[in-house]
Amino acid sequence: MLEIEFETNMLKHYFDRSIDWGGEPGQNCYNETTLIEDTNYWGSDCWRSIMEVIGGVFGGSKVPITFLNITQLSSYRKDAHTSIYKKQWNPLTPEQEAN
């Protein structure tokens, strides 16, 4: 028998990401098409501290480097989850698309 232990608060936070962008707790992003326009917004799945370190390293380079943070950019779209846009071996059900 396989036993799995998990932190319920962490799991709850994962499924309540709608509160990151002002949604209701428990709401998902299905059919949410408006952009998050707050330039100070950082999604809960973006590691801001790591991105700041990377930006600092690139900023100190003698050669100009443009750093395009795709993870942060995609978090401005509420529905931009890679899980539904990646190659699927079987078509997603409507329920899977909604979650």
Protein backbone atom coordinates (compact mmCIF):
# COMPACT_ATOMS: atom_id res chain seq x y z
CA MET A 1 0.00 0.00 0.00
CA LEU A 2 1.29 3.45 -0.90
CA GLU A 3 0.96 6.17 1.69
CA ILE A 4 1.31 9.78 0.69
CA GLU A 5 1.67 12.56 3.21
CA PHE A 6 1.31 16.17 2.20
CA GLU A 7 1.00 19.55 3.80
CA THR A 8 -2.69 20.48 3.51
CA ASN A 9 -1.97 24.22 3.68
CA MET A 10 0.45 23.90 0.76
CA LEU A 11 -2.11 21.95 -1.27
CA LYS A 12 -4.83 24.46 -0.41
CA HIS A 13 -2.55 27.31 -1.51
CA TYR A 14 -1.86 25.55 -4.81
CA PHE A 15 -5.55 25.30 -5.63
CA ASP A 16 -6.38 28.80 -4.34
CA ARG A 17 -4.06 30.73 -6.63
CA SER A 18 -7.03 32.76 -7.82
CA ILE A 19 -6.58 34.92 -4.74
CA ASP A 20 -3.19 35.94 -6.19
CA TRP A 21 -4.99 37.97 -8.85
CA GLY A 22 -8.04 39.05 -6.84
CA GLY A 23 -10.29 36.07 -7.52
CA GLU A 24 -12.42 34.26 -4.99
CA PRO A 25 -10.90 31.41 -2.95
CA GLY A 26 -11.47 28.11 -4.73
CA GLN A 27 -12.08 29.81 -8.08
CA ASN A 28 -10.06 28.53 -11.02
CA CYS A 29 -8.79 30.32 -14.09
CA TYR A 30 -11.02 28.60 -16.65
CA ASN A 31 -12.33 31.17 -19.16
CA GLU A 32 -10.48 33.99 -17.36
CA THR A 33 -9.21 36.07 -20.27
CA THR A 34 -8.49 39.47 -18.72
CA LEU A 35 -4.84 40.26 -18.14
CA ILE A 36 -3.36 41.14 -14.78
CA GLU A 37 -2.28 44.73 -15.40
CA ASP A 38 -0.50 45.38 -12.09
CA THR A 39 3.19 45.70 -13.02
CA ASN A 40 4.15 44.88 -9.41
CA TYR A 41 2.31 41.54 -9.54
CA TRP A 42 4.32 38.39 -8.92
CA GLY A 43 2.50 35.08 -9.19
CA SER A 44 2.91 32.64 -6.32
CA ASP A 45 4.63 30.23 -8.71
CA CYS A 46 7.36 32.75 -9.63
CA TRP A 47 10.49 32.76 -7.49
CA ARG A 48 11.10 36.47 -7.25
CA SER A 49 14.31 36.14 -5.22
CA ILE A 50 15.89 33.87 -7.83
CA MET A 51 14.81 36.17 -10.66
CA GLU A 52 16.33 39.16 -8.84
CA VAL A 53 19.65 37.30 -8.49
CA ILE A 54 19.64 36.36 -12.18
CA GLY A 55 18.78 39.94 -13.13
CA GLY A 56 21.62 41.22 -10.95
CA VAL A 57 24.14 38.83 -12.49
CA PHE A 58 23.06 39.73 -16.02
CA GLY A 59 23.00 43.42 -15.14
CA GLY A 60 26.63 43.26 -14.04
CA SER A 61 27.81 41.79 -17.32
CA LYS A 62 30.14 43.78 -19.56
CA VAL A 63 28.15 42.53 -22.53
CA PRO A 64 24.54 43.76 -22.71
CA ILE A 65 22.14 40.89 -21.96
CA THR A 66 18.38 41.06 -22.30
CA PHE A 67 16.66 38.78 -19.82
CA LEU A 68 13.11 37.81 -20.80
CA ASN A 69 11.38 36.17 -17.86
CA ILE A 70 8.77 34.03 -19.61
CA THR A 71 7.51 32.57 -16.32
CA GLN A 72 6.71 36.03 -14.98
CA LEU A 73 5.25 37.21 -18.28
CA SER A 74 2.94 34.21 -18.50
CA SER A 75 1.73 34.78 -14.94
CA TYR A 76 0.09 38.02 -16.13
CA ARG A 77 -2.39 35.76 -17.94
CA LYS A 78 -4.64 33.96 -15.50
CA ASP A 79 -5.19 31.10 -17.93
CA ALA A 80 -1.56 30.62 -19.04
CA HIS A 81 -0.90 27.23 -17.49
CA THR A 82 1.48 25.05 -19.44
CA SER A 83 -0.34 21.96 -18.26
CA ILE A 84 -3.12 22.46 -20.82
CA TYR A 85 -0.95 23.82 -23.63
CA LYS A 86 1.76 21.14 -23.68
CA LYS A 87 1.59 18.05 -25.89
CA GLN A 88 -1.09 15.73 -24.58
CA TRP A 89 -0.97 12.04 -25.38
CA ASN A 90 -4.73 11.85 -24.84
CA PRO A 91 -7.19 14.70 -25.39
CA LEU A 92 -8.05 16.59 -22.21
CA THR A 93 -11.55 16.24 -20.86
CA PRO A 94 -13.55 19.44 -20.27
CA GLU A 95 -13.03 18.92 -16.52
CA GLN A 96 -9.24 18.71 -16.97
CA GLU A 97 -9.24 21.86 -19.08
CA ALA A 98 -11.21 23.68 -16.39
CA ASN A 99 -8.71 22.80 -13.67
